[in-house]
Amino acid sequence: MSPRELEANLLMKAAAKLQLIKDEWEESSLAEKDDVLVYNRKLWTILVTSATDKESELPQDIKNNIASLGIFVFKQTMSIITSDDSNKIDVLISINRAIAEGLRSQPTQAE
């Protein structure tokens, strides 16, 4: 599996976890909600760190966009935690799915 496929799969896994917790929001404990949000935040921390690394071959504008998107994801996560509003999860689900689809649709440089 290529790194792009792995990233896409992990983003889709996180989106599925977020969707499940949203669907079961009222029945879910604070710890269950936190576990899912922490999983997504950790994934985004790794993605942002990897993409913005000095040795990353991504163009600078892509690095900047990923960093900005990561900051948005982190802020949105905090907003969900502090407001206990399940509707705010929709944007995280959409972002994860959109990035995963983009990773799957674009060929790698080696291809």
Protein backbone atom coordinates (compact mmCIF):
# COMPACT_ATOMS: atom_id res chain seq x y z
CA MET A 1 0.00 0.00 0.00
CA SER A 2 1.38 3.40 -0.96
CA PRO A 3 1.66 6.20 1.63
CA ARG A 4 -1.15 8.05 -0.20
CA GLU A 5 -3.44 5.01 0.03
CA LEU A 6 -2.59 4.60 3.70
CA GLU A 7 -3.36 8.27 4.41
CA ALA A 8 -6.63 8.01 2.47
CA ASN A 9 -7.64 4.88 4.38
CA LEU A 10 -6.83 6.45 7.75
CA LEU A 11 -8.80 9.58 6.89
CA MET A 12 -11.79 7.46 5.85
CA LYS A 13 -11.49 5.43 9.06
CA ALA A 14 -11.50 8.64 11.09
CA ALA A 15 -14.48 9.96 9.10
CA ALA A 16 -16.38 6.73 9.80
CA LYS A 17 -15.61 6.96 13.52
CA LEU A 18 -16.73 10.60 13.55
CA GLN A 19 -19.95 9.71 11.69
CA LEU A 20 -20.71 6.91 14.15
CA ILE A 21 -20.18 9.10 17.21
CA LYS A 22 -22.33 11.83 15.62
CA ASP A 23 -25.11 9.32 14.93
CA GLU A 24 -24.94 8.07 18.53
CA TRP A 25 -24.18 11.45 20.15
CA GLU A 26 -26.88 11.36 22.82
CA GLU A 27 -26.07 7.78 23.84
CA SER A 28 -22.28 8.25 23.81
CA SER A 29 -20.28 9.05 26.90
CA LEU A 30 -17.93 12.00 27.07
CA ALA A 31 -15.01 9.55 27.06
CA GLU A 32 -16.25 7.89 23.84
CA LYS A 33 -16.67 11.26 22.14
CA ASP A 34 -13.24 12.34 23.33
CA ASP A 35 -11.60 9.12 22.08
CA VAL A 36 -12.91 9.69 18.55
CA LEU A 37 -11.98 13.38 18.52
CA VAL A 38 -8.50 12.60 19.89
CA TYR A 39 -8.01 9.92 17.21
CA ASN A 40 -8.86 12.43 14.48
CA ARG A 41 -6.68 15.12 16.04
CA LYS A 42 -3.70 12.76 16.30
CA LEU A 43 -4.15 11.73 12.68
CA TRP A 44 -4.21 15.38 11.60
CA THR A 45 -1.17 16.14 13.75
CA ILE A 46 0.77 13.44 11.91
CA LEU A 47 -0.49 14.59 8.50
CA VAL A 48 0.38 18.23 9.13
CA THR A 49 3.76 17.42 10.63
CA SER A 50 4.66 15.14 7.72
CA ALA A 51 3.42 17.50 5.02
CA THR A 52 5.12 20.58 6.43
CA ASP A 53 8.44 18.91 7.23
CA LYS A 54 11.48 20.54 5.62
CA GLU A 55 12.18 17.32 3.73
CA SER A 56 8.67 17.09 2.31
CA GLU A 57 8.68 17.40 -1.47
CA LEU A 58 5.26 19.06 -1.56
CA PRO A 59 5.10 22.54 -3.07
CA GLN A 60 5.11 25.33 -0.49
CA ASP A 61 1.54 26.40 -1.27
CA ILE A 62 0.30 22.85 -0.61
CA LYS A 63 2.26 22.76 2.65
CA ASN A 64 0.66 26.06 3.67
CA ASN A 65 -2.83 24.84 2.75
CA ILE A 66 -2.43 21.62 4.73
CA ALA A 67 -1.13 23.57 7.72
CA SER A 68 -4.09 25.96 7.55
CA LEU A 69 -6.52 23.09 7.22
CA GLY A 70 -4.91 21.36 10.18
CA ILE A 71 -5.29 24.48 12.32
CA PHE A 72 -8.95 24.66 11.32
CA VAL A 73 -9.45 20.98 12.24
CA PHE A 74 -7.84 21.56 15.64
CA LYS A 75 -9.99 24.64 16.33
CA GLN A 76 -13.16 22.88 15.18
CA THR A 77 -12.33 19.95 17.46
CA MET A 78 -12.00 22.29 20.44
CA SER A 79 -15.27 23.93 19.49
CA ILE A 80 -17.02 20.55 19.47
CA ILE A 81 -15.60 19.67 22.87
CA THR A 82 -16.55 22.97 24.46
CA SER A 83 -20.01 23.30 22.90
CA ASP A 84 -21.07 19.63 22.88
CA ASP A 85 -22.63 20.30 19.46
CA SER A 86 -22.71 17.17 17.30
CA ASN A 87 -23.55 19.17 14.16
CA LYS A 88 -20.06 20.68 14.20
CA ILE A 89 -18.65 17.22 13.46
CA ASP A 90 -20.09 17.34 9.93
CA VAL A 91 -17.32 19.62 8.71
CA LEU A 92 -14.61 17.30 10.06
CA ILE A 93 -16.26 14.33 8.35
CA SER A 94 -16.48 16.28 5.08
CA ILE A 95 -12.85 17.41 5.24
CA ASN A 96 -11.56 13.90 5.94
CA ARG A 97 -13.62 12.40 3.13
CA ALA A 98 -12.66 15.11 0.64
CA ILE A 99 -8.93 14.82 1.37
CA ALA A 100 -9.13 11.01 1.18
CA GLU A 101 -10.90 11.20 -2.19
CA GLY A 102 -8.26 13.61 -3.44
CA LEU A 103 -5.46 11.33 -2.32
CA ARG A 104 -7.08 8.39 -4.10
CA SER A 105 -7.82 10.25 -7.32
CA GLN A 106 -4.43 11.79 -8.01
CA PRO A 107 -1.57 9.60 -9.23
CA THR A 108 1.64 9.64 -7.26
CA GLN A 109 4.72 11.25 -8.80
CA ALA A 110 6.25 7.81 -9.39
CA GLU A 111 3.36 6.70 -11.60
